[in-house]
Amino acid sequence: MSIPAVTAIRNTYGDARIIWLVEGSVSRFLSYQGFIDGVIEFPRHSIVRAIKKSDPIRAIKEINAFLKRLRQLDYDIIADFHGIIKSAIFSKIARGTRRIGFGKIYAKEKSHLFYNETVNAGHNRIHKVERNMLIARHLGAVGEVPEVKLVVPSEMEKYIDSFFSEAGISGPVFAVNPFSSSGSVYKRWNINYYGELIKKINNEIGGHVLILWGPGEKKEAEYLRQISGNGALLSCPTDVPQLFALMKKVDMYIGGDTGVMHLAVFAGTPVVAIFGPTDVGINAPYGLNNIIVRKELPCSPCKNKKCRDRKCVEGITVDEVFEAVVKMRGKSAGNN
């Protein structure tokens, strides 16, 4: 959800050199985008793996190599869109003149104390895309949130085309993602509900349902396939660029509040988003090509990961989500 703001900065400073510091597998995906000039990846997984293997020398080498790359250039502007203590520290370590981040309203873990310029709005419940645009506008960007066209190499699309062909997949194709990150399991809709939903899609709409899965999720994905009856398939293994290519090819994405949901939005795929405890005003799929299913409850949104009854998400019925799927199909057909 930082991509539109970075695109706006590129549109404002056409001849600038823009380097993006990221963590994790998204680095490869970003490296293909023309609105940035380079990517620096913080190798957290490599560092953690070295520590777990009792190899501190390897961990130190990884850290030193990262810090050397981070400090290789003397930047005119360092903009922190993440607003947590880790990103703030990296912003401070990097060599630069202006360090810009969010003020106290949006900053977490007192990260605002690390910047020499901060930005705020009048209230804290604005969508993250709009929030990130505050930094772009602070740097001179004007106008609406820019439209973004993300790309991946043709071999990624060929990989997905080959999978579809070999599996005999034809439309309509629904991508279902029942998962979220390991630290946000509390956001997940019941996997057995997903099974009932897939059955209804197969029986009343037809086509194919692809169950998406990532590292550590294949066993649960297999279970979902087994309880979903005919018409449900596991997707091929994908990294982020390949997943984006897959999102461009399916007719609809169905899932919870995850990064994959936002990836589907950028791919132009209609989205049915199932929201529980997270704040839909801040984290909703951006734009109009989506339908959100949620319960209006006095206790929602919240950040109580230890909540036991989870009424906000467990109270969402299969029929409610299926109704949204049918409505989204009609809406998408009307837009074509």
Protein backbone atom coordinates (compact mmCIF):
# COMPACT_ATOMS: atom_id res chain seq x y z
CA MET A 1 0.00 0.00 0.00
CA SER A 2 3.06 2.23 -0.30
CA ILE A 3 3.31 1.67 -4.05
CA PRO A 4 0.94 4.51 -5.12
CA ALA A 5 2.83 7.00 -2.94
CA VAL A 6 6.20 5.93 -4.31
CA THR A 7 4.76 6.18 -7.83
CA ALA A 8 3.59 9.72 -7.01
CA ILE A 9 7.12 10.60 -5.86
CA ARG A 10 8.49 9.23 -9.13
CA ASN A 11 5.98 11.32 -11.09
CA THR A 12 7.06 14.40 -9.13
CA TYR A 13 10.81 13.80 -9.38
CA GLY A 14 11.15 12.23 -12.81
CA ASP A 15 14.95 12.20 -12.85
CA ALA A 16 15.39 11.03 -9.25
CA ARG A 17 17.10 7.82 -8.28
CA ILE A 18 14.75 5.88 -6.01
CA ILE A 19 15.97 2.93 -3.93
CA TRP A 20 13.48 0.89 -1.87
CA LEU A 21 14.46 -0.88 1.35
CA VAL A 22 12.24 -3.91 1.95
CA GLU A 23 12.15 -7.13 3.91
CA GLY A 24 11.28 -10.54 2.51
CA SER A 25 10.21 -12.06 -0.78
CA VAL A 26 8.56 -8.90 -2.15
CA SER A 27 12.01 -7.57 -3.07
CA ARG A 28 12.15 -9.59 -6.28
CA PHE A 29 8.69 -8.40 -7.30
CA LEU A 30 9.63 -4.76 -6.72
CA SER A 31 12.83 -5.14 -8.72
CA TYR A 32 10.73 -5.57 -11.88
CA GLN A 33 8.90 -2.25 -11.46
CA GLY A 34 10.05 0.70 -13.56
CA PHE A 35 9.18 3.42 -11.06
CA ILE A 36 12.09 2.48 -8.78
CA ASP A 37 15.77 2.11 -9.60
CA GLY A 38 16.91 -0.45 -7.08
CA VAL A 39 15.95 -2.61 -4.12
CA ILE A 40 17.82 -3.24 -0.87
CA GLU A 41 16.58 -6.29 1.02
CA PHE A 42 16.99 -6.63 4.76
CA PRO A 43 17.95 -10.34 5.04
CA ARG A 44 16.07 -11.08 8.26
CA HIS A 45 15.34 -14.71 7.40
CA SER A 46 19.00 -15.40 6.57
CA ILE A 47 20.11 -13.79 9.82
CA VAL A 48 17.57 -15.71 11.90
CA ARG A 49 18.47 -18.96 10.13
CA ALA A 50 22.16 -18.45 10.87
CA ILE A 51 21.43 -17.74 14.53
CA LYS A 52 19.23 -20.86 14.81
CA LYS A 53 22.07 -22.91 13.34
CA SER A 54 24.46 -21.47 15.94
CA ASP A 55 26.47 -19.75 13.22
CA PRO A 56 27.02 -16.22 14.60
CA ILE A 57 29.83 -15.53 12.12
CA ARG A 58 27.43 -16.05 9.21
CA ALA A 59 24.84 -13.83 10.90
CA ILE A 60 27.40 -11.07 11.42
CA LYS A 61 28.49 -11.30 7.77
CA GLU A 62 24.87 -10.97 6.63
CA ILE A 63 24.33 -7.94 8.86
CA ASN A 64 27.57 -6.26 7.79
CA ALA A 65 26.85 -6.80 4.09
CA PHE A 66 23.37 -5.32 4.55
CA LEU A 67 24.65 -2.28 6.47
CA LYS A 68 27.34 -1.67 3.87
CA ARG A 69 24.74 -1.61 1.10
CA LEU A 70 22.37 0.53 3.17
CA ARG A 71 25.07 3.15 3.72
CA GLN A 72 26.56 2.97 0.22
CA LEU A 73 24.78 6.12 -0.99
CA ASP A 74 24.28 9.52 0.59
CA TYR A 75 20.55 10.15 0.09
CA ASP A 76 18.88 13.53 -0.24
CA ILE A 77 15.62 12.16 1.18
CA ILE A 78 14.87 9.14 3.34
CA ALA A 79 11.14 8.44 3.65
CA ASP A 80 9.85 5.85 6.13
CA PHE A 81 6.40 4.57 5.14
CA HIS A 82 6.41 1.76 7.69
CA GLY A 83 6.58 3.84 10.86
CA ILE A 84 7.84 1.28 13.37
CA ILE A 85 10.99 1.26 15.45
CA LYS A 86 12.86 -1.11 13.09
CA SER A 87 12.26 0.99 9.98
CA ALA A 88 13.01 4.16 11.94
CA ILE A 89 16.36 2.76 13.07
CA PHE A 90 17.25 1.78 9.52
CA SER A 91 16.30 5.29 8.41
CA LYS A 92 18.68 6.67 11.01
CA ILE A 93 21.51 4.33 10.03
CA ALA A 94 21.22 5.21 6.34
CA ARG A 95 23.19 8.25 5.24
CA GLY A 96 20.88 11.11 4.33
CA THR A 97 19.94 14.76 4.73
CA ARG A 98 16.17 14.69 5.28
CA ARG A 99 14.49 11.91 7.26
CA ILE A 100 10.73 12.00 6.82
CA GLY A 101 8.17 9.82 8.57
CA PHE A 102 4.81 9.84 10.26
CA GLY A 103 4.06 11.96 13.27
CA LYS A 104 2.76 10.71 16.57
CA ILE A 105 -0.75 9.94 15.26
CA TYR A 106 0.43 7.26 12.84
CA ALA A 107 3.84 6.28 14.19
CA LYS A 108 4.26 3.15 16.29
CA GLU A 109 6.81 2.36 18.98
CA LYS A 110 7.77 6.07 19.17
CA SER A 111 9.35 5.89 15.72
CA HIS A 112 8.42 9.56 15.16
CA LEU A 113 11.31 10.57 17.42
CA PHE A 114 13.82 9.41 14.78
CA TYR A 115 12.76 11.79 11.98
CA ASN A 116 13.59 15.44 11.40
CA GLU A 117 10.37 15.96 9.42
CA THR A 118 7.00 14.40 10.25
CA VAL A 119 3.58 14.36 8.57
CA ASN A 120 0.11 14.00 10.07
CA ALA A 121 -3.53 14.39 9.16
CA GLY A 122 -6.46 15.49 11.28
CA HIS A 123 -7.39 11.97 12.43
CA ASN A 124 -5.89 8.50 12.55
CA ARG A 125 -8.54 6.46 10.67
CA ILE A 126 -7.58 7.01 7.06
CA HIS A 127 -6.79 4.29 4.58
CA LYS A 128 -3.12 3.29 4.48
CA VAL A 129 -2.87 4.22 0.80
CA GLU A 130 -4.10 7.74 1.64
CA ARG A 131 -1.89 7.85 4.72
CA ASN A 132 1.19 6.99 2.68
CA MET A 133 0.24 9.67 0.16
CA LEU A 134 0.75 12.22 2.96
CA ILE A 135 4.51 11.68 2.63
CA ALA A 136 4.35 11.97 -1.16
CA ARG A 137 2.41 15.23 -0.88
CA HIS A 138 4.83 16.51 1.75
CA LEU A 139 7.48 16.02 -0.94
CA GLY A 140 5.50 17.99 -3.52
CA ALA A 141 3.23 15.44 -5.18
CA VAL A 142 -0.13 16.87 -6.26
CA GLY A 143 -3.37 15.44 -7.55
CA GLU A 144 -5.19 12.20 -6.89
CA VAL A 145 -3.70 8.85 -5.93
CA PRO A 146 -1.94 7.78 -9.15
CA GLU A 147 -3.02 4.73 -11.09
CA VAL A 148 -0.39 2.03 -10.85
CA LYS A 149 0.49 -0.59 -13.46
CA LEU A 150 2.61 -3.38 -12.02
CA VAL A 151 4.46 -5.81 -14.27
CA VAL A 152 6.23 -9.15 -14.13
CA PRO A 153 8.41 -10.83 -16.76
CA SER A 154 6.66 -12.92 -19.39
CA GLU A 155 8.15 -16.13 -18.02
CA MET A 156 6.06 -15.68 -14.88
CA GLU A 157 2.90 -15.52 -16.97
CA LYS A 158 4.03 -18.52 -19.04
CA TYR A 159 4.54 -20.50 -15.83
CA ILE A 160 0.94 -19.82 -14.78
CA ASP A 161 -0.39 -20.46 -18.30
CA SER A 162 1.36 -23.82 -18.31
CA PHE A 163 -0.15 -24.74 -14.94
CA PHE A 164 -3.65 -23.80 -16.11
CA SER A 165 -3.21 -25.80 -19.30
CA GLU A 166 -1.86 -28.93 -17.61
CA ALA A 167 -4.57 -28.83 -14.91
CA GLY A 168 -7.33 -28.27 -17.49
CA ILE A 169 -8.48 -25.10 -15.76
CA SER A 170 -11.06 -22.96 -17.55
CA GLY A 171 -13.30 -20.11 -16.47
CA PRO A 172 -14.72 -18.89 -14.35
CA VAL A 173 -11.76 -19.31 -12.01
CA PHE A 174 -11.98 -18.30 -8.34
CA ALA A 175 -8.82 -17.95 -6.23
CA VAL A 176 -9.48 -18.69 -2.55
CA ASN A 177 -6.92 -17.80 0.11
CA PRO A 178 -7.92 -19.05 3.59
CA PHE A 179 -4.59 -18.09 5.17
CA SER A 180 -2.87 -15.12 6.77
CA SER A 181 0.55 -14.61 8.29
CA SER A 182 1.47 -16.76 11.27
CA GLY A 183 1.17 -13.75 13.56
CA SER A 184 -2.38 -12.90 12.46
CA VAL A 185 -4.23 -16.21 12.63
CA TYR A 186 -6.90 -14.41 14.66
CA LYS A 187 -8.04 -12.71 11.44
CA ARG A 188 -8.81 -15.95 9.59
CA TRP A 189 -12.29 -17.08 8.68
CA ASN A 190 -12.99 -20.72 9.64
CA ILE A 191 -11.37 -23.06 7.12
CA ASN A 192 -14.41 -25.36 7.22
CA TYR A 193 -16.56 -22.40 6.16
CA TYR A 194 -14.27 -21.98 3.17
CA GLY A 195 -14.95 -25.63 2.35
CA GLU A 196 -18.71 -25.05 2.36
CA LEU A 197 -18.27 -21.89 0.30
CA ILE A 198 -16.26 -23.74 -2.34
CA LYS A 199 -18.98 -26.39 -2.57
CA LYS A 200 -21.61 -23.70 -3.17
CA ILE A 201 -19.48 -22.06 -5.84
CA ASN A 202 -18.99 -25.41 -7.58
CA ASN A 203 -22.67 -26.41 -7.34
CA GLU A 204 -24.31 -23.08 -8.15
CA ILE A 205 -21.79 -21.24 -10.35
CA GLY A 206 -19.37 -23.83 -11.69
CA GLY A 207 -15.90 -23.28 -13.02
CA HIS A 208 -12.80 -23.96 -10.95
CA VAL A 209 -11.64 -22.91 -7.50
CA LEU A 210 -7.91 -22.53 -6.91
CA ILE A 211 -6.79 -22.80 -3.30
CA LEU A 212 -3.77 -20.55 -2.75
CA TRP A 213 -1.04 -21.56 -0.33
CA GLY A 214 2.40 -20.46 0.71
CA PRO A 215 5.29 -21.73 2.83
CA GLY A 216 4.06 -23.93 5.69
CA GLU A 217 0.43 -23.89 4.46
CA LYS A 218 0.28 -26.83 2.04
CA LYS A 219 -1.01 -29.36 4.59
CA GLU A 220 -3.95 -27.13 5.53
CA ALA A 221 -4.56 -26.36 1.86
CA GLU A 222 -4.75 -30.10 1.15
CA TYR A 223 -7.27 -30.47 3.95
CA LEU A 224 -9.40 -27.71 2.46
CA ARG A 225 -9.27 -29.35 -0.95
CA GLN A 226 -10.39 -32.65 0.55
CA ILE A 227 -13.45 -31.18 2.28
CA SER A 228 -14.41 -29.01 -0.70
CA GLY A 229 -15.53 -31.73 -3.08
CA ASN A 230 -14.95 -31.71 -6.82
CA GLY A 231 -13.79 -28.58 -8.61
CA ALA A 232 -11.22 -27.42 -6.05
CA LEU A 233 -7.53 -27.54 -6.94
CA LEU A 234 -4.36 -26.51 -5.16
CA SER A 235 -2.54 -23.73 -6.96
CA CYS A 236 0.96 -24.36 -8.20
CA PRO A 237 3.81 -23.19 -5.95
CA THR A 238 4.35 -19.45 -6.44
CA ASP A 239 6.67 -16.70 -5.37
CA VAL A 240 5.32 -13.13 -5.27
CA PRO A 241 5.84 -12.32 -8.99
CA GLN A 242 4.28 -15.64 -10.02
CA LEU A 243 1.38 -15.07 -7.64
CA PHE A 244 0.78 -11.67 -9.23
CA ALA A 245 0.70 -13.35 -12.67
CA LEU A 246 -1.84 -15.83 -11.29
CA MET A 247 -3.99 -13.02 -9.87
CA LYS A 248 -4.14 -11.42 -13.32
CA LYS A 249 -5.53 -14.64 -14.77
CA VAL A 250 -8.31 -15.52 -12.30
CA ASP A 251 -11.83 -14.08 -12.37
CA MET A 252 -12.16 -13.38 -8.64
CA TYR A 253 -10.16 -13.42 -5.42
CA ILE A 254 -11.81 -14.47 -2.13
CA GLY A 255 -9.98 -14.20 1.18
CA GLY A 256 -9.26 -12.24 4.32
CA ASP A 257 -7.23 -9.15 5.12
CA THR A 258 -3.79 -10.11 3.81
CA GLY A 259 -1.07 -8.84 1.51
CA VAL A 260 -2.31 -11.26 -1.15
CA MET A 261 -5.65 -9.41 -1.14
CA HIS A 262 -3.88 -6.14 -1.99
CA LEU A 263 -1.83 -7.93 -4.66
CA ALA A 264 -5.12 -9.03 -6.27
CA VAL A 265 -6.31 -5.40 -6.27
CA PHE A 266 -3.20 -4.28 -8.17
CA ALA A 267 -3.72 -7.13 -10.63
CA GLY A 268 -7.16 -5.69 -11.43
CA THR A 269 -8.94 -8.76 -10.05
CA PRO A 270 -12.41 -8.43 -8.46
CA VAL A 271 -12.10 -9.06 -4.72
CA VAL A 272 -14.45 -10.41 -2.07
CA ALA A 273 -12.75 -9.59 1.23
CA ILE A 274 -13.75 -11.20 4.53
CA PHE A 275 -12.94 -8.84 7.40
CA GLY A 276 -13.02 -9.65 11.09
CA PRO A 277 -11.12 -7.72 13.78
CA THR A 278 -9.00 -5.48 11.56
CA ASP A 279 -10.06 -1.94 10.72
CA VAL A 280 -11.71 -1.91 7.32
CA GLY A 281 -11.38 1.87 7.12
CA ILE A 282 -7.60 1.56 7.18
CA ASN A 283 -6.93 -1.82 5.56
CA ALA A 284 -9.71 -2.36 3.00
CA PRO A 285 -8.83 -3.32 -0.59
CA TYR A 286 -8.29 0.05 -2.25
CA GLY A 287 -10.61 1.14 -5.01
CA LEU A 288 -14.10 0.14 -6.14
CA ASN A 289 -13.61 -3.32 -7.59
CA ASN A 290 -14.37 -5.15 -4.37
CA ILE A 291 -17.04 -6.17 -1.87
CA ILE A 292 -16.29 -6.41 1.84
CA VAL A 293 -18.09 -8.88 4.09
CA ARG A 294 -17.97 -8.06 7.80
CA LYS A 295 -20.03 -7.84 10.97
CA GLU A 296 -20.83 -4.49 12.55
CA LEU A 297 -20.05 -5.09 16.22
CA PRO A 298 -19.28 -2.66 19.06
CA CYS A 299 -15.99 -4.46 19.76
CA SER A 300 -14.78 -4.40 16.16
CA PRO A 301 -12.27 -3.32 14.98
CA CYS A 302 -9.82 -4.45 17.64
CA LYS A 303 -6.32 -5.84 17.97
CA ASN A 304 -7.05 -8.49 20.58
CA LYS A 305 -5.17 -11.49 19.23
CA LYS A 306 -6.24 -13.51 22.27
CA CYS A 307 -9.99 -13.05 21.74
CA ARG A 308 -11.71 -16.40 22.28
CA ASP A 309 -15.18 -16.01 20.81
CA ARG A 310 -14.11 -14.08 17.64
CA LYS A 311 -17.72 -13.12 16.95
CA CYS A 312 -16.62 -10.60 14.34
CA VAL A 313 -15.26 -13.31 12.06
CA GLU A 314 -16.97 -16.52 13.22
CA GLY A 315 -20.33 -14.79 12.88
CA ILE A 316 -19.90 -14.34 9.12
CA THR A 317 -21.92 -17.07 7.41
CA VAL A 318 -21.16 -19.02 4.26
CA ASP A 319 -24.36 -17.69 2.69
CA GLU A 320 -23.27 -14.09 3.32
CA VAL A 321 -19.94 -14.61 1.58
CA PHE A 322 -21.53 -16.53 -1.28
CA GLU A 323 -24.05 -13.72 -1.77
CA ALA A 324 -21.11 -11.31 -2.06
CA VAL A 325 -19.47 -13.60 -4.63
CA VAL A 326 -22.64 -13.64 -6.75
CA LYS A 327 -23.00 -9.86 -6.42
CA MET A 328 -19.34 -9.30 -7.34
CA ARG A 329 -19.75 -11.46 -10.44
CA GLY A 330 -22.70 -9.35 -11.54
CA LYS A 331 -20.82 -6.14 -10.80
CA SER A 332 -17.79 -7.33 -12.78
CA ALA A 333 -19.94 -8.37 -15.72
CA GLY A 334 -21.53 -4.92 -15.73
CA ASN A 335 -18.10 -3.29 -15.91
CA ASN A 336 -17.02 -5.33 -18.93
